[in-house]
Amino acid sequence: QEDARAYQAEIQQVVDRAFAPFPREACPLE
């Protein structure tokens, strides 16, 4: 289970790098 959690953390970092930086506040939809 620890191996699986470590793998999940690795994948989450990849996703974060691909889509970040996330805005701190929502922008107006306009």
Full PDB file with SEQRES, HELIX, SHEET, SSBOND, CRYST1, ORIGX, SCALE, CONECT and MASTER records, all heavy atoms in Angstrom:
SEQRES   1 A   30  GLN GLU ASP ALA ARG ALA TYR GLN ALA GLU ILE GLN GLN          
SEQRES   2 A   30  VAL VAL ASP ARG ALA PHE ALA PRO PHE PRO ARG GLU ALA          
SEQRES   3 A   30  CYS PRO LEU GLU                                              
HELIX    1 AA1 GLU A    2  PHE A   19  1                                  18    
CRYST1    1.000    1.000    1.000  90.00  90.00  90.00 P 1           1          
ORIGX1      1.000000  0.000000  0.000000        0.00000                         
ORIGX2      0.000000  1.000000  0.000000        0.00000                         
ORIGX3      0.000000  0.000000  1.000000        0.00000                         
SCALE1      1.000000  0.000000  0.000000        0.00000                         
SCALE2      0.000000  1.000000  0.000000        0.00000                         
SCALE3      0.000000  0.000000  1.000000        0.00000                         
ATOM      1  N   GLN A   1       0.829  -1.198   0.000  1.00  0.00           N  
ATOM      2  CA  GLN A   1       0.000   0.000   0.000  1.00  0.00           C  
ATOM      3  C   GLN A   1       0.867   1.253   0.000  1.00  0.00           C  
ATOM      4  O   GLN A   1       0.547   2.237  -0.668  1.00  0.00           O  
ATOM      5  CB  GLN A   1      -0.925  -0.019   1.219  1.00  0.00           C  
ATOM      6  CG  GLN A   1      -1.973   1.061   1.196  1.00  0.00           C  
ATOM      7  CD  GLN A   1      -2.965   0.932   2.341  1.00  0.00           C  
ATOM      8  OE1 GLN A   1      -2.650   0.349   3.376  1.00  0.00           O  
ATOM      9  NE2 GLN A   1      -4.147   1.480   2.151  1.00  0.00           N  
ATOM     10  N   GLU A   2       1.973   1.211   0.692  1.00  0.00           N  
ATOM     11  CA  GLU A   2       2.888   2.355   0.719  1.00  0.00           C  
ATOM     12  C   GLU A   2       3.476   2.607  -0.673  1.00  0.00           C  
ATOM     13  O   GLU A   2       3.629   3.750  -1.090  1.00  0.00           O  
ATOM     14  CB  GLU A   2       4.015   2.144   1.735  1.00  0.00           C  
ATOM     15  CG  GLU A   2       3.555   2.172   3.181  1.00  0.00           C  
ATOM     16  CD  GLU A   2       2.868   0.872   3.616  1.00  0.00           C  
ATOM     17  OE1 GLU A   2       3.127  -0.199   3.015  1.00  0.00           O  
ATOM     18  OE2 GLU A   2       2.049   0.938   4.547  1.00  0.00           O  
ATOM     19  N   ASP A   3       3.825   1.520  -1.378  1.00  0.00           N  
ATOM     20  CA  ASP A   3       4.312   1.666  -2.755  1.00  0.00           C  
ATOM     21  C   ASP A   3       3.253   2.338  -3.633  1.00  0.00           C  
ATOM     22  O   ASP A   3       3.565   3.218  -4.444  1.00  0.00           O  
ATOM     23  CB  ASP A   3       4.651   0.302  -3.366  1.00  0.00           C  
ATOM     24  CG  ASP A   3       5.822  -0.386  -2.704  1.00  0.00           C  
ATOM     25  OD1 ASP A   3       6.598   0.285  -1.991  1.00  0.00           O  
ATOM     26  OD2 ASP A   3       5.953  -1.620  -2.895  1.00  0.00           O  
ATOM     27  N   ALA A   4       2.008   1.919  -3.466  1.00  0.00           N  
ATOM     28  CA  ALA A   4       0.918   2.473  -4.270  1.00  0.00           C  
ATOM     29  C   ALA A   4       0.726   3.953  -3.960  1.00  0.00           C  
ATOM     30  O   ALA A   4       0.540   4.771  -4.865  1.00  0.00           O  
ATOM     31  CB  ALA A   4      -0.372   1.702  -4.019  1.00  0.00           C  
ATOM     32  N   ARG A   5       0.798   4.309  -2.684  1.00  0.00           N  
ATOM     33  CA  ARG A   5       0.641   5.716  -2.314  1.00  0.00           C  
ATOM     34  C   ARG A   5       1.795   6.566  -2.855  1.00  0.00           C  
ATOM     35  O   ARG A   5       1.603   7.699  -3.279  1.00  0.00           O  
ATOM     36  CB  ARG A   5       0.518   5.846  -0.811  1.00  0.00           C  
ATOM     37  CG  ARG A   5      -0.822   5.326  -0.323  1.00  0.00           C  
ATOM     38  CD  ARG A   5      -1.227   5.939   1.000  1.00  0.00           C  
ATOM     39  NE  ARG A   5      -2.587   5.541   1.300  1.00  0.00           N  
ATOM     40  CZ  ARG A   5      -2.953   4.852   2.362  1.00  0.00           C  
ATOM     41  NH1 ARG A   5      -2.052   4.504   3.249  1.00  0.00           N  
ATOM     42  NH2 ARG A   5      -4.216   4.530   2.549  1.00  0.00           N  
ATOM     43  N   ALA A   6       2.996   6.020  -2.831  1.00  0.00           N  
ATOM     44  CA  ALA A   6       4.139   6.745  -3.379  1.00  0.00           C  
ATOM     45  C   ALA A   6       3.962   6.954  -4.884  1.00  0.00           C  
ATOM     46  O   ALA A   6       4.247   8.042  -5.413  1.00  0.00           O  
ATOM     47  CB  ALA A   6       5.434   5.993  -3.095  1.00  0.00           C  
ATOM     48  N   TYR A   7       3.477   5.938  -5.577  1.00  0.00           N  
ATOM     49  CA  TYR A   7       3.220   6.053  -7.014  1.00  0.00           C  
ATOM     50  C   TYR A   7       2.139   7.101  -7.279  1.00  0.00           C  
ATOM     51  O   TYR A   7       2.277   7.924  -8.193  1.00  0.00           O  
ATOM     52  CB  TYR A   7       2.811   4.690  -7.585  1.00  0.00           C  
ATOM     53  CG  TYR A   7       2.532   4.721  -9.058  1.00  0.00           C  
ATOM     54  CD1 TYR A   7       3.553   4.929  -9.976  1.00  0.00           C  
ATOM     55  CD2 TYR A   7       1.242   4.540  -9.546  1.00  0.00           C  
ATOM     56  CE1 TYR A   7       3.303   4.966 -11.329  1.00  0.00           C  
ATOM     57  CE2 TYR A   7       0.974   4.561 -10.901  1.00  0.00           C  
ATOM     58  CZ  TYR A   7       2.016   4.783 -11.790  1.00  0.00           C  
ATOM     59  OH  TYR A   7       1.751   4.819 -13.138  1.00  0.00           O  
ATOM     60  N   GLN A   8       1.075   7.101  -6.475  1.00  0.00           N  
ATOM     61  CA  GLN A   8       0.026   8.107  -6.621  1.00  0.00           C  
ATOM     62  C   GLN A   8       0.613   9.510  -6.463  1.00  0.00           C  
ATOM     63  O   GLN A   8       0.257  10.425  -7.216  1.00  0.00           O  
ATOM     64  CB  GLN A   8      -1.079   7.895  -5.586  1.00  0.00           C  
ATOM     65  CG  GLN A   8      -1.994   6.745  -5.892  1.00  0.00           C  
ATOM     66  CD  GLN A   8      -3.022   6.542  -4.794  1.00  0.00           C  
ATOM     67  OE1 GLN A   8      -2.744   6.781  -3.612  1.00  0.00           O  
ATOM     68  NE2 GLN A   8      -4.206   6.097  -5.178  1.00  0.00           N  
ATOM     69  N   ALA A   9       1.485   9.688  -5.495  1.00  0.00           N  
ATOM     70  CA  ALA A   9       2.103  10.996  -5.270  1.00  0.00           C  
ATOM     71  C   ALA A   9       2.941  11.415  -6.481  1.00  0.00           C  
ATOM     72  O   ALA A   9       2.930  12.584  -6.886  1.00  0.00           O  
ATOM     73  CB  ALA A   9       2.946  10.976  -4.004  1.00  0.00           C  
ATOM     74  N   GLU A  10       3.677  10.466  -7.065  1.00  0.00           N  
ATOM     75  CA  GLU A  10       4.469  10.761  -8.267  1.00  0.00           C  
ATOM     76  C   GLU A  10       3.568  11.219  -9.408  1.00  0.00           C  
ATOM     77  O   GLU A  10       3.863  12.213 -10.089  1.00  0.00           O  
ATOM     78  CB  GLU A  10       5.237   9.525  -8.720  1.00  0.00           C  
ATOM     79  CG  GLU A  10       6.377   9.115  -7.827  1.00  0.00           C  
ATOM     80  CD  GLU A  10       6.974   7.786  -8.269  1.00  0.00           C  
ATOM     81  OE1 GLU A  10       6.874   7.440  -9.464  1.00  0.00           O  
ATOM     82  OE2 GLU A  10       7.529   7.085  -7.414  1.00  0.00           O  
ATOM     83  N   ILE A  11       2.488  10.496  -9.622  1.00  0.00           N  
ATOM     84  CA  ILE A  11       1.566  10.835 -10.710  1.00  0.00           C  
ATOM     85  C   ILE A  11       0.918  12.188 -10.453  1.00  0.00           C  
ATOM     86  O   ILE A  11       0.761  13.003 -11.364  1.00  0.00           O  
ATOM     87  CB  ILE A  11       0.508   9.728 -10.888  1.00  0.00           C  
ATOM     88  CG1 ILE A  11       1.170   8.412 -11.307  1.00  0.00           C  
ATOM     89  CG2 ILE A  11      -0.556  10.148 -11.901  1.00  0.00           C  
ATOM     90  CD1 ILE A  11       1.983   8.491 -12.580  1.00  0.00           C  
ATOM     91  N   GLN A  12       0.557  12.457  -9.198  1.00  0.00           N  
ATOM     92  CA  GLN A  12      -0.046  13.750  -8.868  1.00  0.00           C  
ATOM     93  C   GLN A  12       0.911  14.891  -9.168  1.00  0.00           C  
ATOM     94  O   GLN A  12       0.512  15.943  -9.671  1.00  0.00           O  
ATOM     95  CB  GLN A  12      -0.476  13.783  -7.399  1.00  0.00           C  
ATOM     96  CG  GLN A  12      -1.254  15.026  -7.038  1.00  0.00           C  
ATOM     97  CD  GLN A  12      -2.558  15.148  -7.813  1.00  0.00           C  
ATOM     98  OE1 GLN A  12      -3.364  14.237  -7.779  1.00  0.00           O  
ATOM     99  NE2 GLN A  12      -2.745  16.251  -8.509  1.00  0.00           N  
ATOM    100  N   GLN A  13       2.203  14.698  -8.899  1.00  0.00           N  
ATOM    101  CA  GLN A  13       3.193  15.729  -9.212  1.00  0.00           C  
ATOM    102  C   GLN A  13       3.284  15.970 -10.715  1.00  0.00           C  
ATOM    103  O   GLN A  13       3.398  17.108 -11.169  1.00  0.00           O  
ATOM    104  CB  GLN A  13       4.560  15.342  -8.658  1.00  0.00           C  
ATOM    105  CG  GLN A  13       4.667  15.468  -7.165  1.00  0.00           C  
ATOM    106  CD  GLN A  13       6.029  15.018  -6.651  1.00  0.00           C  
ATOM    107  OE1 GLN A  13       6.839  14.462  -7.381  1.00  0.00           O  
ATOM    108  NE2 GLN A  13       6.279  15.263  -5.372  1.00  0.00           N  
ATOM    109  N   VAL A  14       3.209  14.896 -11.499  1.00  0.00           N  
ATOM    110  CA  VAL A  14       3.243  15.032 -12.961  1.00  0.00           C  
ATOM    111  C   VAL A  14       2.031  15.823 -13.443  1.00  0.00           C  
ATOM    112  O   VAL A  14       2.145  16.731 -14.272  1.00  0.00           O  
ATOM    113  CB  VAL A  14       3.306  13.644 -13.633  1.00  0.00           C  
ATOM    114  CG1 VAL A  14       3.096  13.749 -15.138  1.00  0.00           C  
ATOM    115  CG2 VAL A  14       4.633  12.962 -13.325  1.00  0.00           C  
ATOM    116  N   VAL A  15       0.857  15.493 -12.914  1.00  0.00           N  
ATOM    117  CA  VAL A  15      -0.365  16.199 -13.295  1.00  0.00           C  
ATOM    118  C   VAL A  15      -0.277  17.666 -12.888  1.00  0.00           C  
ATOM    119  O   VAL A  15      -0.620  18.562 -13.662  1.00  0.00           O  
ATOM    120  CB  VAL A  15      -1.604  15.516 -12.681  1.00  0.00           C  
ATOM    121  CG1 VAL A  15      -2.850  16.362 -12.868  1.00  0.00           C  
ATOM    122  CG2 VAL A  15      -1.798  14.125 -13.274  1.00  0.00           C  
ATOM    123  N   ASP A  16       0.198  17.925 -11.674  1.00  0.00           N  
ATOM    124  CA  ASP A  16       0.344  19.306 -11.205  1.00  0.00           C  
ATOM    125  C   ASP A  16       1.276  20.108 -12.101  1.00  0.00           C  
ATOM    126  O   ASP A  16       1.000  21.258 -12.434  1.00  0.00           O  
ATOM    127  CB  ASP A  16       0.843  19.338  -9.763  1.00  0.00           C  
ATOM    128  CG  ASP A  16      -0.196  18.892  -8.757  1.00  0.00           C  
ATOM    129  OD1 ASP A  16      -1.392  18.792  -9.129  1.00  0.00           O  
ATOM    130  OD2 ASP A  16       0.178  18.633  -7.596  1.00  0.00           O  
ATOM    131  N   ARG A  17       2.393  19.505 -12.516  1.00  0.00           N  
ATOM    132  CA  ARG A  17       3.331  20.205 -13.402  1.00  0.00           C  
ATOM    133  C   ARG A  17       2.690  20.469 -14.764  1.00  0.00           C  
ATOM    134  O   ARG A  17       2.940  21.498 -15.384  1.00  0.00           O  
ATOM    135  CB  ARG A  17       4.623  19.417 -13.571  1.00  0.00           C  
ATOM    136  CG  ARG A  17       5.581  19.570 -12.431  1.00  0.00           C  
ATOM    137  CD  ARG A  17       6.976  19.071 -12.780  1.00  0.00           C  
ATOM    138  NE  ARG A  17       7.020  17.747 -13.375  1.00  0.00           N  
ATOM    139  CZ  ARG A  17       7.154  16.606 -12.696  1.00  0.00           C  
ATOM    140  NH1 ARG A  17       7.255  16.623 -11.386  1.00  0.00           N  
ATOM    141  NH2 ARG A  17       7.197  15.454 -13.327  1.00  0.00           N  
ATOM    142  N   ALA A  18       1.871  19.535 -15.229  1.00  0.00           N  
ATOM    143  CA  ALA A  18       1.262  19.690 -16.545  1.00  0.00           C  
ATOM    144  C   ALA A  18       0.211  20.789 -16.569  1.00  0.00           C  
ATOM    145  O   ALA A  18       0.062  21.492 -17.572  1.00  0.00           O  
ATOM    146  CB  ALA A  18       0.638  18.363 -16.989  1.00  0.00           C  
ATOM    147  N   PHE A  19      -0.530  20.964 -15.478  1.00  0.00           N  
ATOM    148  CA  PHE A  19      -1.656  21.888 -15.479  1.00  0.00           C  
ATOM    149  C   PHE A  19      -1.465  23.105 -14.588  1.00  0.00           C  
ATOM    150  O   PHE A  19      -2.291  24.005 -14.601  1.00  0.00           O  
ATOM    151  CB  PHE A  19      -2.941  21.164 -15.076  1.00  0.00           C  
ATOM    152  CG  PHE A  19      -3.355  20.139 -16.082  1.00  0.00           C  
ATOM    153  CD1 PHE A  19      -3.100  18.799 -15.869  1.00  0.00           C  
ATOM    154  CD2 PHE A  19      -3.975  20.526 -17.261  1.00  0.00           C  
ATOM    155  CE1 PHE A  19      -3.479  17.854 -16.805  1.00  0.00           C  
ATOM    156  CE2 PHE A  19      -4.353  19.592 -18.198  1.00  0.00           C  
ATOM    157  CZ  PHE A  19      -4.104  18.253 -17.972  1.00  0.00           C  
ATOM    158  N   ALA A  20      -0.431  23.136 -13.804  1.00  0.00           N  
ATOM    159  CA  ALA A  20      -0.209  24.242 -12.878  1.00  0.00           C  
ATOM    160  C   ALA A  20       0.423  25.407 -13.626  1.00  0.00           C  
ATOM    161  O   ALA A  20       0.903  25.244 -14.741  1.00  0.00           O  
ATOM    162  CB  ALA A  20       0.679  23.779 -11.737  1.00  0.00           C  
ATOM    163  N   PRO A  21       0.478  26.567 -13.084  1.00  0.00           N  
ATOM    164  CA  PRO A  21      -0.005  26.872 -11.745  1.00  0.00           C  
ATOM    165  C   PRO A  21      -1.517  27.087 -11.749  1.00  0.00           C  
ATOM    166  O   PRO A  21      -2.057  27.688 -12.667  1.00  0.00           O  
ATOM    167  CB  PRO A  21       0.713  28.176 -11.382  1.00  0.00           C  
ATOM    168  CG  PRO A  21       0.926  28.841 -12.709  1.00  0.00           C  
ATOM    169  CD  PRO A  21       1.124  27.722 -13.706  1.00  0.00           C  
ATOM    170  N   PHE A  22      -2.168  26.554 -10.737  1.00  0.00           N  
ATOM    171  CA  PHE A  22      -3.586  26.779 -10.594  1.00  0.00           C  
ATOM    172  C   PHE A  22      -3.802  28.179 -10.051  1.00  0.00           C  
ATOM    173  O   PHE A  22      -3.087  28.626  -9.160  1.00  0.00           O  
ATOM    174  CB  PHE A  22      -4.210  25.744  -9.647  1.00  0.00           C  
ATOM    175  CG  PHE A  22      -4.267  24.365 -10.243  1.00  0.00           C  
ATOM    176  CD1 PHE A  22      -3.381  23.391  -9.841  1.00  0.00           C  
ATOM    177  CD2 PHE A  22      -5.205  24.063 -11.209  1.00  0.00           C  
ATOM    178  CE1 PHE A  22      -3.423  22.124 -10.388  1.00  0.00           C  
ATOM    179  CE2 PHE A  22      -5.256  22.799 -11.766  1.00  0.00           C  
ATOM    180  CZ  PHE A  22      -4.365  21.826 -11.358  1.00  0.00           C  
ATOM    181  N   PRO A  23      -4.784  28.883 -10.579  1.00  0.00           N  
ATOM    182  CA  PRO A  23      -5.031  30.232 -10.064  1.00  0.00           C  
ATOM    183  C   PRO A  23      -5.497  30.187  -8.619  1.00  0.00           C  
ATOM    184  O   PRO A  23      -6.202  29.266  -8.213  1.00  0.00           O  
ATOM    185  CB  PRO A  23      -6.132  30.766 -10.982  1.00  0.00           C  
ATOM    186  CG  PRO A  23      -6.699  29.594 -11.676  1.00  0.00           C  
ATOM    187  CD  PRO A  23      -5.690  28.499 -11.634  1.00  0.00           C  
ATOM    188  N   ARG A  24      -5.092  31.168  -7.847  1.00  0.00           N  
ATOM    189  CA  ARG A  24      -5.494  31.231  -6.438  1.00  0.00           C  
ATOM    190  C   ARG A  24      -6.955  31.629  -6.300  1.00  0.00           C  
ATOM    191  O   ARG A  24      -7.625  31.236  -5.370  1.00  0.00           O  
ATOM    192  CB  ARG A  24      -4.607  32.200  -5.683  1.00  0.00           C  
ATOM    193  CG  ARG A  24      -3.169  31.755  -5.611  1.00  0.00           C  
ATOM    194  CD  ARG A  24      -2.397  32.617  -4.626  1.00  0.00           C  
ATOM    195  NE  ARG A  24      -0.995  32.307  -4.639  1.00  0.00           N  
ATOM    196  CZ  ARG A  24      -0.439  31.277  -4.006  1.00  0.00           C  
ATOM    197  NH1 ARG A  24      -1.192  30.454  -3.344  1.00  0.00           N  
ATOM    198  NH2 ARG A  24       0.856  31.073  -4.065  1.00  0.00           N  
ATOM    199  N   GLU A  25      -7.439  32.437  -7.223  1.00  0.00           N  
ATOM    200  CA  GLU A  25      -8.824  32.883  -7.173  1.00  0.00           C  
ATOM    201  C   GLU A  25      -9.480  32.618  -8.520  1.00  0.00           C  
ATOM    202  O   GLU A  25      -8.825  32.646  -9.560  1.00  0.00           O  
ATOM    203  CB  GLU A  25      -8.879  34.380  -6.873  1.00  0.00           C  
ATOM    204  CG  GLU A  25      -8.332  34.754  -5.516  1.00  0.00           C  
ATOM    205  CD  GLU A  25      -8.379  36.253  -5.279  1.00  0.00           C  
ATOM    206  OE1 GLU A  25      -9.037  36.967  -6.065  1.00  0.00           O  
ATOM    207  OE2 GLU A  25      -7.743  36.697  -4.317  1.00  0.00           O  
ATOM    208  N   ALA A  26     -10.787  32.385  -8.475  1.00  0.00           N  
ATOM    209  CA  ALA A  26     -11.532  32.176  -9.710  1.00  0.00           C  
ATOM    210  C   ALA A  26     -11.556  33.474 -10.513  1.00  0.00           C  
ATOM    211  O   ALA A  26     -11.681  34.556  -9.959  1.00  0.00           O  
ATOM    212  CB  ALA A  26     -12.946  31.719  -9.402  1.00  0.00           C  
ATOM    213  N   CYS A  27     -11.430  33.351 -11.806  1.00  0.00           N  
ATOM    214  CA  CYS A  27     -11.521  34.534 -12.654  1.00  0.00           C  
ATOM    215  C   CYS A  27     -12.969  34.680 -13.133  1.00  0.00           C  
ATOM    216  O   CYS A  27     -13.726  33.709 -13.134  1.00  0.00           O  
ATOM    217  CB  CYS A  27     -10.561  34.421 -13.840  1.00  0.00           C  
ATOM    218  SG  CYS A  27     -11.010  33.143 -15.014  1.00  0.00           S  
ATOM    219  N   PRO A  28     -13.362  35.872 -13.544  1.00  0.00           N  
ATOM    220  CA  PRO A  28     -14.713  36.034 -14.073  1.00  0.00           C  
ATOM    221  C   PRO A  28     -14.872  35.239 -15.368  1.00  0.00           C  
ATOM    222  O   PRO A  28     -13.950  35.175 -16.180  1.00  0.00           O  
ATOM    223  CB  PRO A  28     -14.826  37.536 -14.326  1.00  0.00           C  
ATOM    224  CG  PRO A  28     -13.435  38.042 -14.380  1.00  0.00           C  
ATOM    225  CD  PRO A  28     -12.601  37.103 -13.552  1.00  0.00           C  
ATOM    226  N   LEU A  29     -16.022  34.604 -15.534  1.00  0.00           N  
ATOM    227  CA  LEU A  29     -16.242  33.774 -16.723  1.00  0.00           C  
ATOM    228  C   LEU A  29     -16.286  34.584 -18.009  1.00  0.00           C  
ATOM    229  O   LEU A  29     -15.838  34.124 -19.046  1.00  0.00           O  
ATOM    230  CB  LEU A  29     -17.545  32.985 -16.585  1.00  0.00           C  
ATOM    231  CG  LEU A  29     -17.508  31.803 -15.637  1.00  0.00           C  
ATOM    232  CD1 LEU A  29     -18.886  31.159 -15.559  1.00  0.00           C  
ATOM    233  CD2 LEU A  29     -16.472  30.790 -16.056  1.00  0.00           C  
ATOM    234  N   GLU A  30     -16.865  35.777 -17.952  1.00  0.00           N  
ATOM    235  CA  GLU A  30     -17.005  36.618 -19.139  1.00  0.00           C  
ATOM    236  C   GLU A  30     -17.589  35.833 -20.310  1.00  0.00           C  
ATOM    237  O   GLU A  30     -17.106  35.887 -21.445  1.00  0.00           O  
ATOM    238  CB  GLU A  30     -15.677  37.262 -19.524  1.00  0.00           C  
ATOM    239  CG  GLU A  30     -15.140  38.210 -18.471  1.00  0.00           C  
ATOM    240  CD  GLU A  30     -13.918  38.969 -18.928  1.00  0.00           C  
ATOM    241  OE1 GLU A  30     -13.778  39.219 -20.133  1.00  0.00           O  
ATOM    242  OE2 GLU A  30     -13.099  39.308 -18.060  1.00  0.00           O  
TER     243      GLU A  30                                                      
MASTER        0    0    0    1    0    0    0    6  242    1    0    3          
END                                                                             
